[in-house]
């Protein structure tokens, strides 16, 4: 029984490492898409607020977890 539990734990750890690699690949693929390259993205709320105040334009937030662990 202990061997089965230990084996399952090892499989879960390996699957997590493979999944993290897959998520990194998805992240890189998303950065290459046309919509990601067509505008300048700001990754700081403070920067976005400053730009919004200066230009009078609203802030558009794009949230995703398709690549995050």
Protein backbone atom coordinates (compact mmCIF):
# COMPACT_ATOMS: atom_id res chain seq x y z
CA UNK A 1 0.00 0.00 0.00
CA UNK A 2 2.84 2.41 0.84
CA UNK A 3 4.43 1.71 -2.55
CA UNK A 4 1.18 2.58 -4.33
CA UNK A 5 0.83 5.87 -2.44
CA UNK A 6 4.49 6.77 -3.01
CA UNK A 7 4.19 5.91 -6.70
CA UNK A 8 1.07 8.05 -7.03
CA UNK A 9 2.84 10.96 -5.34
CA UNK A 10 5.77 10.70 -7.77
CA UNK A 11 3.38 10.64 -10.72
CA UNK A 12 1.57 13.72 -9.45
CA UNK A 13 4.85 15.60 -9.02
CA UNK A 14 5.95 14.66 -12.53
CA UNK A 15 2.58 15.66 -14.00
CA UNK A 16 2.85 19.05 -12.29
CA UNK A 17 6.27 19.68 -13.83
CA UNK A 18 5.02 18.72 -17.29
CA UNK A 19 1.93 20.91 -16.83
CA UNK A 20 4.08 23.91 -15.83
CA UNK A 21 6.13 23.46 -18.99
CA UNK A 22 2.94 23.26 -21.04
CA UNK A 23 1.68 26.48 -19.43
CA UNK A 24 4.93 28.26 -20.28
CA UNK A 25 4.56 27.15 -23.90
CA UNK A 26 0.95 28.44 -23.95
CA UNK A 27 2.14 31.78 -22.54
CA UNK A 28 4.80 32.15 -25.24
CA UNK A 29 2.31 31.17 -27.95
CA UNK A 30 -0.19 33.74 -26.69
CA UNK A 31 2.44 36.50 -26.82
CA UNK A 32 2.92 35.73 -30.52
CA UNK A 33 -0.75 36.21 -31.42
CA UNK A 34 -1.75 39.20 -33.52
CA UNK A 35 -4.01 40.78 -30.88
CA UNK A 36 -1.18 40.77 -28.35
CA UNK A 37 1.16 42.57 -30.75
CA UNK A 38 -1.35 45.06 -32.18
CA UNK A 39 -1.36 47.39 -29.15
CA UNK A 40 1.07 48.37 -26.43
CA UNK A 41 0.23 46.44 -23.27
CA UNK A 42 0.93 47.95 -19.83
CA UNK A 43 1.55 45.49 -17.00
CA UNK A 44 1.25 47.94 -14.11
CA UNK A 45 -1.99 49.43 -12.80
CA UNK A 46 -0.15 52.58 -11.74
CA UNK A 47 1.23 53.09 -15.26
CA UNK A 48 -2.19 52.43 -16.77
CA UNK A 49 -3.80 54.97 -14.45
CA UNK A 50 -1.20 57.61 -15.35
CA UNK A 51 -1.71 57.01 -19.09
CA UNK A 52 -5.49 57.04 -18.65
CA UNK A 53 -5.35 60.33 -16.77
CA UNK A 54 -3.05 61.88 -19.40
CA UNK A 55 -5.00 60.70 -22.46
CA UNK A 56 -8.53 60.66 -21.04
CA UNK A 57 -8.97 57.08 -22.26
CA UNK A 58 -10.43 54.30 -20.11
CA UNK A 59 -8.38 51.36 -18.84
CA UNK A 60 -9.04 47.99 -20.47
CA UNK A 61 -8.08 45.07 -18.24
CA UNK A 62 -7.26 41.70 -19.80
CA UNK A 63 -6.95 38.91 -17.25
CA UNK A 64 -6.11 35.32 -18.06
CA UNK A 65 -4.76 32.22 -16.38
CA UNK A 66 -4.26 30.00 -19.37
CA UNK A 67 -0.52 29.96 -18.74
CA UNK A 68 -0.12 30.68 -15.04
CA UNK A 69 0.62 27.92 -12.54
